[in-house]
PDB file of N, CA and C in Angstrom:
ATOM      1  N   UNK A   1    -229.077 110.965 182.727  1.00  0.00           N
ATOM      2  CA  UNK A   1    -229.729 110.692 183.992  1.00  0.00           C
ATOM      3  C   UNK A   1    -228.697 110.812 185.112  1.00  0.00           C
ATOM      4  N   UNK A   2    -229.068 111.525 186.165  1.00  0.00           N
ATOM      5  CA  UNK A   2    -228.190 111.698 187.321  1.00  0.00           C
ATOM      6  C   UNK A   2    -228.649 110.742 188.419  1.00  0.00           C
ATOM      7  N   UNK A   3    -227.721 109.991 188.984  1.00  0.00           N
ATOM      8  CA  UNK A   3    -228.035 109.078 190.088  1.00  0.00           C
ATOM      9  C   UNK A   3    -227.164 109.462 191.268  1.00  0.00           C
ATOM     10  N   UNK A   4    -227.808 109.929 192.358  1.00  0.00           N
ATOM     11  CA  UNK A   4    -227.085 110.354 193.548  1.00  0.00           C
ATOM     12  C   UNK A   4    -227.835 109.827 194.762  1.00  0.00           C
ATOM     13  N   UNK A   5    -227.108 109.354 195.747  1.00  0.00           N
ATOM     14  CA  UNK A   5    -227.703 108.865 196.978  1.00  0.00           C
ATOM     15  C   UNK A   5    -227.837 110.015 197.971  1.00  0.00           C
ATOM     16  N   UNK A   6    -228.997 110.108 198.637  1.00  0.00           N
ATOM     17  CA  UNK A   6    -229.200 111.104 199.683  1.00  0.00           C
ATOM     18  C   UNK A   6    -229.685 110.400 200.945  1.00  0.00           C
ATOM     19  N   UNK A   7    -229.531 111.057 202.057  1.00  0.00           N
ATOM     20  CA  UNK A   7    -229.918 110.483 203.346  1.00  0.00           C
ATOM     21  C   UNK A   7    -231.161 111.183 203.873  1.00  0.00           C
ATOM     22  N   UNK A   8    -232.070 110.393 204.434  1.00  0.00           N
ATOM     23  CA  UNK A   8    -233.265 110.964 205.058  1.00  0.00           C
ATOM     24  C   UNK A   8    -232.886 111.400 206.459  1.00  0.00           C
ATOM     25  N   UNK A   9    -233.121 112.661 206.773  1.00  0.00           N
ATOM     26  CA  UNK A   9    -232.746 113.209 208.068  1.00  0.00           C
ATOM     27  C   UNK A   9    -233.933 113.308 209.013  1.00  0.00           C
ATOM     28  N   UNK A  10    -233.743 114.068 210.069  1.00  0.00           N
ATOM     29  CA  UNK A  10    -234.769 114.287 211.068  1.00  0.00           C
ATOM     30  C   UNK A  10    -236.023 114.847 210.393  1.00  0.00           C
ATOM     31  N   UNK A  11    -237.166 114.416 210.836  1.00  0.00           N
ATOM     32  CA  UNK A  11    -238.465 114.836 210.295  1.00  0.00           C
ATOM     33  C   UNK A  11    -238.680 114.394 208.851  1.00  0.00           C
ATOM     34  N   UNK A  12    -237.898 113.432 208.362  1.00  0.00           N
ATOM     35  CA  UNK A  12    -238.062 112.922 207.006  1.00  0.00           C
ATOM     36  C   UNK A  12    -237.525 113.831 205.926  1.00  0.00           C
ATOM     37  N   UNK A  13    -236.712 114.774 206.288  1.00  0.00           N
ATOM     38  CA  UNK A  13    -236.173 115.722 205.312  1.00  0.00           C
ATOM     39  C   UNK A  13    -235.017 115.124 204.532  1.00  0.00           C
ATOM     40  N   UNK A  14    -234.930 115.534 203.263  1.00  0.00           N
ATOM     41  CA  UNK A  14    -233.781 115.163 202.436  1.00  0.00           C
ATOM     42  C   UNK A  14    -233.192 116.445 201.860  1.00  0.00           C
ATOM     43  N   UNK A  15    -231.932 116.400 201.548  1.00  0.00           N
ATOM     44  CA  UNK A  15    -231.274 117.538 200.912  1.00  0.00           C
ATOM     45  C   UNK A  15    -230.987 117.132 199.476  1.00  0.00           C
ATOM     46  N   UNK A  16    -231.562 117.888 198.548  1.00  0.00           N
ATOM     47  CA  UNK A  16    -231.300 117.617 197.137  1.00  0.00           C
ATOM     48  C   UNK A  16    -229.930 118.179 196.778  1.00  0.00           C
ATOM     49  N   UNK A  17    -229.129 117.396 196.093  1.00  0.00           N
ATOM     50  CA  UNK A  17    -227.793 117.860 195.717  1.00  0.00           C
ATOM     51  C   UNK A  17    -227.851 119.141 194.872  1.00  0.00           C
ATOM     52  N   UNK A  18    -226.834 119.962 195.035  1.00  0.00           N
ATOM     53  CA  UNK A  18    -226.758 121.251 194.342  1.00  0.00           C
ATOM     54  C   UNK A  18    -226.892 121.085 192.829  1.00  0.00           C
ATOM     55  N   UNK A  19    -226.298 120.035 192.298  1.00  0.00           N
ATOM     56  CA  UNK A  19    -226.338 119.788 190.856  1.00  0.00           C
ATOM     57  C   UNK A  19    -227.797 119.651 190.370  1.00  0.00           C
ATOM     58  N   UNK A  20    -228.618 118.963 191.139  1.00  0.00           N
ATOM     59  CA  UNK A  20    -230.035 118.779 190.788  1.00  0.00           C
ATOM     60  C   UNK A  20    -230.793 120.096 190.953  1.00  0.00           C
ATOM     61  N   UNK A  21    -230.564 120.785 192.087  1.00  0.00           N
ATOM     62  CA  UNK A  21    -231.254 122.062 192.333  1.00  0.00           C
ATOM     63  C   UNK A  21    -230.944 123.063 191.230  1.00  0.00           C
ATOM     64  N   UNK A  22    -229.687 123.119 190.833  1.00  0.00           N
ATOM     65  CA  UNK A  22    -229.270 124.061 189.794  1.00  0.00           C
ATOM     66  C   UNK A  22    -229.904 123.698 188.450  1.00  0.00           C
ATOM     67  N   UNK A  23    -229.921 122.415 188.125  1.00  0.00           N
ATOM     68  CA  UNK A  23    -230.475 121.951 186.851  1.00  0.00           C
ATOM     69  C   UNK A  23    -231.936 122.356 186.703  1.00  0.00           C
ATOM     70  N   UNK A  24    -232.695 122.284 187.798  1.00  0.00           N
ATOM     71  CA  UNK A  24    -234.128 122.583 187.746  1.00  0.00           C
ATOM     72  C   UNK A  24    -234.481 123.975 188.275  1.00  0.00           C
ATOM     73  N   UNK A  25    -233.478 124.782 188.553  1.00  0.00           N
ATOM     74  CA  UNK A  25    -233.729 126.151 189.003  1.00  0.00           C
ATOM     75  C   UNK A  25    -234.415 126.216 190.352  1.00  0.00           C
ATOM     76  N   UNK A  26    -234.075 125.296 191.239  1.00  0.00           N
ATOM     77  CA  UNK A  26    -234.716 125.226 192.558  1.00  0.00           C
ATOM     78  C   UNK A  26    -234.020 126.141 193.552  1.00  0.00           C
ATOM     79  N   UNK A  27    -234.837 126.832 194.331  1.00  0.00           N
ATOM     80  CA  UNK A  27    -234.328 127.631 195.443  1.00  0.00           C
ATOM     81  C   UNK A  27    -235.331 127.470 196.585  1.00  0.00           C
ATOM     82  N   UNK A  28    -235.067 128.137 197.691  1.00  0.00           N
ATOM     83  CA  UNK A  28    -235.954 128.021 198.843  1.00  0.00           C
ATOM     84  C   UNK A  28    -237.386 128.369 198.438  1.00  0.00           C
ATOM     85  N   UNK A  29    -238.328 127.531 198.840  1.00  0.00           N
ATOM     86  CA  UNK A  29    -239.727 127.757 198.526  1.00  0.00           C
ATOM     87  C   UNK A  29    -240.189 127.070 197.246  1.00  0.00           C
ATOM     88  N   UNK A  30    -239.264 126.480 196.497  1.00  0.00           N
ATOM     89  CA  UNK A  30    -239.603 125.765 195.266  1.00  0.00           C
ATOM     90  C   UNK A  30    -240.515 124.596 195.617  1.00  0.00           C
ATOM     91  N   UNK A  31    -241.539 124.365 194.816  1.00  0.00           N
ATOM     92  CA  UNK A  31    -242.511 123.313 195.112  1.00  0.00           C
ATOM     93  C   UNK A  31    -242.252 122.057 194.288  1.00  0.00           C
ATOM     94  N   UNK A  32    -242.476 120.897 194.914  1.00  0.00           N
ATOM     95  CA  UNK A  32    -242.360 119.608 194.247  1.00  0.00           C
ATOM     96  C   UNK A  32    -243.619 118.794 194.540  1.00  0.00           C
ATOM     97  N   UNK A  33    -244.032 117.993 193.576  1.00  0.00           N
ATOM     98  CA  UNK A  33    -245.111 117.038 193.787  1.00  0.00           C
ATOM     99  C   UNK A  33    -244.443 115.708 194.113  1.00  0.00           C
ATOM    100  N   UNK A  34    -244.894 115.053 195.178  1.00  0.00           N
ATOM    101  CA  UNK A  34    -244.339 113.763 195.588  1.00  0.00           C
ATOM    102  C   UNK A  34    -245.369 112.684 195.248  1.00  0.00           C
ATOM    103  N   UNK A  35    -244.942 111.715 194.426  1.00  0.00           N
ATOM    104  CA  UNK A  35    -245.820 110.592 194.093  1.00  0.00           C
ATOM    105  C   UNK A  35    -245.105 109.292 194.420  1.00  0.00           C
ATOM    106  N   UNK A  36    -245.891 108.254 194.639  1.00  0.00           N
ATOM    107  CA  UNK A  36    -245.340 106.927 194.943  1.00  0.00           C
ATOM    108  C   UNK A  36    -246.069 105.924 194.063  1.00  0.00           C
ATOM    109  N   UNK A  37    -245.305 105.073 193.404  1.00  0.00           N
ATOM    110  CA  UNK A  37    -245.902 104.055 192.543  1.00  0.00           C
ATOM    111  C   UNK A  37    -244.935 102.892 192.393  1.00  0.00           C
ATOM    112  N   UNK A  38    -245.449 101.703 192.598  1.00  0.00           N
ATOM    113  CA  UNK A  38    -244.662 100.479 192.396  1.00  0.00           C
ATOM    114  C   UNK A  38    -243.340 100.490 193.135  1.00  0.00           C
ATOM    115  N   UNK A  39    -243.348 100.986 194.348  1.00  0.00           N
ATOM    116  CA  UNK A  39    -242.144 100.989 195.170  1.00  0.00           C
ATOM    117  C   UNK A  39    -241.151 102.096 194.863  1.00  0.00           C
ATOM    118  N   UNK A  40    -241.541 103.061 194.043  1.00  0.00           N
ATOM    119  CA  UNK A  40    -240.667 104.183 193.696  1.00  0.00           C
ATOM    120  C   UNK A  40    -241.279 105.483 194.182  1.00  0.00           C
ATOM    121  N   UNK A  41    -240.437 106.385 194.655  1.00  0.00           N
ATOM    122  CA  UNK A  41    -240.856 107.724 195.055  1.00  0.00           C
ATOM    123  C   UNK A  41    -240.366 108.675 193.974  1.00  0.00           C
ATOM    124  N   UNK A  42    -241.266 109.518 193.495  1.00  0.00           N
ATOM    125  CA  UNK A  42    -240.914 110.440 192.408  1.00  0.00           C
ATOM    126  C   UNK A  42    -241.171 111.880 192.849  1.00  0.00           C
ATOM    127  N   UNK A  43    -240.212 112.757 192.622  1.00  0.00           N
ATOM    128  CA  UNK A  43    -240.342 114.185 192.899  1.00  0.00           C
ATOM    129  C   UNK A  43    -240.459 114.900 191.564  1.00  0.00           C
ATOM    130  N   UNK A  44    -241.544 115.627 191.372  1.00  0.00           N
ATOM    131  CA  UNK A  44    -241.778 116.331 190.115  1.00  0.00           C
ATOM    132  C   UNK A  44    -241.832 117.832 190.370  1.00  0.00           C
ATOM    133  N   UNK A  45    -241.004 118.614 189.686  1.00  0.00           N
ATOM    134  CA  UNK A  45    -241.043 120.069 189.870  1.00  0.00           C
ATOM    135  C   UNK A  45    -242.401 120.630 189.454  1.00  0.00           C
ATOM    136  N   UNK A  46    -242.886 121.611 190.209  1.00  0.00           N
ATOM    137  CA  UNK A  46    -244.148 122.274 189.907  1.00  0.00           C
ATOM    138  C   UNK A  46    -243.827 123.572 189.192  1.00  0.00           C
ATOM    139  N   UNK A  47    -244.345 123.713 188.001  1.00  0.00           N
ATOM    140  CA  UNK A  47    -244.123 124.948 187.252  1.00  0.00           C
ATOM    141  C   UNK A  47    -245.086 125.998 187.785  1.00  0.00           C
ATOM    142  N   UNK A  48    -244.555 127.135 188.165  1.00  0.00           N
ATOM    143  CA  UNK A  48    -245.397 128.214 188.678  1.00  0.00           C
ATOM    144  C   UNK A  48    -245.337 129.400 187.718  1.00  0.00           C
ATOM    145  N   UNK A  49    -246.360 130.186 187.771  1.00  0.00           N
ATOM    146  CA  UNK A  49    -246.464 131.354 186.900  1.00  0.00           C
ATOM    147  C   UNK A  49    -246.695 132.590 187.743  1.00  0.00           C
ATOM    148  N   UNK A  50    -246.085 133.679 187.339  1.00  0.00           N
ATOM    149  CA  UNK A  50    -246.326 134.944 188.022  1.00  0.00           C
ATOM    150  C   UNK A  50    -247.791 135.334 187.859  1.00  0.00           C
ATOM    151  N   UNK A  51    -248.323 135.082 186.667  1.00  0.00           N
ATOM    152  CA  UNK A  51    -249.736 135.319 186.380  1.00  0.00           C
ATOM    153  C   UNK A  51    -250.340 133.967 186.013  1.00  0.00           C
ATOM    154  N   UNK A  52    -251.107 133.329 186.910  1.00  0.00           N
ATOM    155  CA  UNK A  52    -251.632 131.983 186.654  1.00  0.00           C
ATOM    156  C   UNK A  52    -252.434 131.856 185.358  1.00  0.00           C
ATOM    157  N   UNK A  53    -253.039 132.942 184.900  1.00  0.00           N
ATOM    158  CA  UNK A  53    -253.806 132.854 183.663  1.00  0.00           C
ATOM    159  C   UNK A  53    -252.920 132.541 182.468  1.00  0.00           C
ATOM    160  N   UNK A  54    -251.620 132.823 182.581  1.00  0.00           N
ATOM    161  CA  UNK A  54    -250.692 132.498 181.504  1.00  0.00           C
ATOM    162  C   UNK A  54    -250.663 130.990 181.246  1.00  0.00           C
ATOM    163  N   UNK A  55    -250.828 130.202 182.293  1.00  0.00           N
ATOM    164  CA  UNK A  55    -250.794 128.752 182.157  1.00  0.00           C
ATOM    165  C   UNK A  55    -251.983 128.242 181.358  1.00  0.00           C
ATOM    166  N   UNK A  56    -253.072 128.966 181.393  1.00  0.00           N
ATOM    167  CA  UNK A  56    -254.290 128.534 180.710  1.00  0.00           C
ATOM    168  C   UNK A  56    -254.376 129.033 179.275  1.00  0.00           C
ATOM    169  N   UNK A  57    -253.582 130.030 178.932  1.00  0.00           N
ATOM    170  CA  UNK A  57    -253.674 130.641 177.607  1.00  0.00           C
ATOM    171  C   UNK A  57    -253.499 129.594 176.511  1.00  0.00           C
ATOM    172  N   UNK A  58    -254.471 129.543 175.614  1.00  0.00           N
ATOM    173  CA  UNK A  58    -254.413 128.627 174.484  1.00  0.00           C
ATOM    174  C   UNK A  58    -254.858 127.216 174.791  1.00  0.00           C
ATOM    175  N   UNK A  59    -255.289 126.932 176.022  1.00  0.00           N
ATOM    176  CA  UNK A  59    -255.685 125.569 176.376  1.00  0.00           C
ATOM    177  C   UNK A  59    -257.101 125.234 175.917  1.00  0.00           C
ATOM    178  N   UNK A  60    -257.875 126.253 175.574  1.00  0.00           N
ATOM    179  CA  UNK A  60    -259.242 126.034 175.120  1.00  0.00           C
ATOM    180  C   UNK A  60    -259.370 126.566 173.697  1.00  0.00           C
ATOM    181  N   UNK A  61    -259.889 125.740 172.820  1.00  0.00           N
ATOM    182  CA  UNK A  61    -260.098 126.149 171.436  1.00  0.00           C
ATOM    183  C   UNK A  61    -261.544 126.614 171.287  1.00  0.00           C
ATOM    184  N   UNK A  62    -261.723 127.801 170.750  1.00  0.00           N
ATOM    185  CA  UNK A  62    -263.060 128.356 170.548  1.00  0.00           C
ATOM    186  C   UNK A  62    -263.279 128.612 169.062  1.00  0.00           C
ATOM    187  N   UNK A  63    -264.561 128.608 168.661  1.00  0.00           N
ATOM    188  CA  UNK A  63    -264.894 128.810 167.254  1.00  0.00           C
ATOM    189  C   UNK A  63    -264.451 130.190 166.768  1.00  0.00           C
ATOM    190  N   UNK A  64    -264.648 131.205 167.603  1.00  0.00           N
ATOM    191  CA  UNK A  64    -264.221 132.549 167.221  1.00  0.00           C
ATOM    192  C   UNK A  64    -263.457 133.164 168.390  1.00  0.00           C
ATOM    193  N   UNK A  65    -262.535 134.066 168.133  1.00  0.00           N
ATOM    194  CA  UNK A  65    -261.747 134.686 169.216  1.00  0.00           C
ATOM    195  C   UNK A  65    -262.633 135.456 170.199  1.00  0.00           C
ATOM    196  N   UNK A  66    -262.241 135.443 171.454  1.00  0.00           N
ATOM    197  CA  UNK A  66    -262.960 136.179 172.499  1.00  0.00           C
ATOM    198  C   UNK A  66    -262.195 137.474 172.747  1.00  0.00           C
ATOM    199  N   UNK A  67    -262.888 138.595 172.570  1.00  0.00           N
ATOM    200  CA  UNK A  67    -262.238 139.896 172.716  1.00  0.00           C
ATOM    201  C   UNK A  67    -261.867 140.204 174.164  1.00  0.00           C
ATOM    202  N   UNK A  68    -262.759 139.871 175.103  1.00  0.00           N
ATOM    203  CA  UNK A  68    -262.520 140.191 176.516  1.00  0.00           C
ATOM    204  C   UNK A  68    -262.801 138.953 177.369  1.00  0.00           C
ATOM    205  N   UNK A  69    -261.823 138.035 177.478  1.00  0.00           N
ATOM    206  CA  UNK A  69    -262.054 136.782 178.202  1.00  0.00           C
ATOM    207  C   UNK A  69    -262.381 136.979 179.678  1.00  0.00           C
ATOM    208  N   UNK A  70    -261.802 137.997 180.320  1.00  0.00           N
ATOM    209  CA  UNK A  70    -262.101 138.219 181.745  1.00  0.00           C
ATOM    210  C   UNK A  70    -263.557 138.591 181.937  1.00  0.00           C
ATOM    211  N   UNK A  71    -264.071 139.441 181.082  1.00  0.00           N
ATOM    212  CA  UNK A  71    -265.473 139.851 181.163  1.00  0.00           C
ATOM    213  C   UNK A  71    -266.389 138.652 180.932  1.00  0.00           C
ATOM    214  N   UNK A  72    -266.065 137.841 179.949  1.00  0.00           N
ATOM    215  CA  UNK A  72    -266.846 136.644 179.659  1.00  0.00           C
ATOM    216  C   UNK A  72    -266.847 135.704 180.861  1.00  0.00           C
ATOM    217  N   UNK A  73    -265.693 135.510 181.485  1.00  0.00           N
ATOM    218  CA  UNK A  73    -265.588 134.639 182.657  1.00  0.00           C
ATOM    219  C   UNK A  73    -266.395 135.191 183.826  1.00  0.00           C
ATOM    220  N   UNK A  74    -266.309 136.493 184.057  1.00  0.00           N
ATOM    221  CA  UNK A  74    -267.084 137.115 185.151  1.00  0.00           C
ATOM    222  C   UNK A  74    -268.581 136.949 184.921  1.00  0.00           C
ATOM    223  N   UNK A  75    -269.028 137.154 183.683  1.00  0.00           N
ATOM    224  CA  UNK A  75    -270.448 136.989 183.356  1.00  0.00           C
ATOM    225  C   UNK A  75    -270.901 135.554 183.607  1.00  0.00           C
ATOM    226  N   UNK A  76    -270.070 134.594 183.223  1.00  0.00           N
ATOM    227  CA  UNK A  76    -270.399 133.191 183.433  1.00  0.00           C
ATOM    228  C   UNK A  76    -270.517 132.887 184.925  1.00  0.00           C
ATOM    229  N   UNK A  77    -269.576 133.389 185.715  1.00  0.00           N
ATOM    230  CA  UNK A  77    -269.588 133.134 187.161  1.00  0.00           C
ATOM    231  C   UNK A  77    -270.815 133.774 187.798  1.00  0.00           C
ATOM    232  N   UNK A  78    -271.140 135.004 187.404  1.00  0.00           N
ATOM    233  CA  UNK A  78    -272.345 135.664 187.932  1.00  0.00           C
ATOM    234  C   UNK A  78    -273.587 134.853 187.627  1.00  0.00           C
ATOM    235  N   UNK A  79    -273.688 134.378 186.382  1.00  0.00           N
ATOM    236  CA  UNK A  79    -274.845 133.582 185.978  1.00  0.00           C
ATOM    237  C   UNK A  79    -274.916 132.287 186.792  1.00  0.00           C
ATOM    238  N   UNK A  80    -273.794 131.621 186.942  1.00  0.00           N
ATOM    239  CA  UNK A  80    -273.740 130.351 187.687  1.00  0.00           C
ATOM    240  C   UNK A  80    -274.121 130.577 189.152  1.00  0.00           C
ATOM    241  N   UNK A  81    -273.605 131.637 189.767  1.00  0.00           N
ATOM    242  CA  UNK A  81    -273.933 131.922 191.161  1.00  0.00           C
ATOM    243  C   UNK A  81    -275.413 132.248 191.339  1.00  0.00           C
ATOM    244  N   UNK A  82    -275.977 132.998 190.413  1.00  0.00           N
ATOM    245  CA  UNK A  82    -277.403 133.332 190.529  1.00  0.00           C
ATOM    246  C   UNK A  82    -278.263 132.099 190.355  1.00  0.00           C
ATOM    247  N   UNK A  83    -277.851 131.175 189.486  1.00  0.00           N
ATOM    248  CA  UNK A  83    -278.590 129.914 189.308  1.00  0.00           C
ATOM    249  C   UNK A  83    -278.514 129.060 190.560  1.00  0.00           C
ATOM    250  N   UNK A  84    -277.338 129.013 191.183  1.00  0.00           N
ATOM    251  CA  UNK A  84    -277.142 128.222 192.393  1.00  0.00           C
ATOM    252  C   UNK A  84    -277.921 128.762 193.588  1.00  0.00           C
ATOM    253  N   UNK A  85    -278.175 130.071 193.610  1.00  0.00           N
ATOM    254  CA  UNK A  85    -278.890 130.685 194.724  1.00  0.00           C
ATOM    255  C   UNK A  85    -280.400 130.503 194.611  1.00  0.00           C
ATOM    256  N   UNK A  86    -280.889 130.132 193.452  1.00  0.00           N
ATOM    257  CA  UNK A  86    -282.342 129.957 193.260  1.00  0.00           C
ATOM    258  C   UNK A  86    -282.803 128.600 193.687  1.00  0.00           C
TER     259      UNK A  86
END
C-alpha cells in the first residue's frame, strides 16, 4: 500500500504522484470514479476498452452458442422499438 499526501489546489484539483500514475498506467484523459463513504474519498480507475463489446464478452451464459450476436441484438432492438411504437 502506498501512502502519499497531496494538496488540493485551485478548483479542487489534485496532482496524483508519478509513482501512482505509473503503477496504474494513467496519462492525460485517464478516467477515475470518485466515491465517498464513511468519511473517506476513494478514486477507482475506470477500465476502458478500444471495443466496448470486449467488456461484455462471456458475461452472459446461453444454452447454445450464438453464431451472429450482432444480428441477434439488432433483431431484438428492432422488435423492441416496434413494440414501443404501437
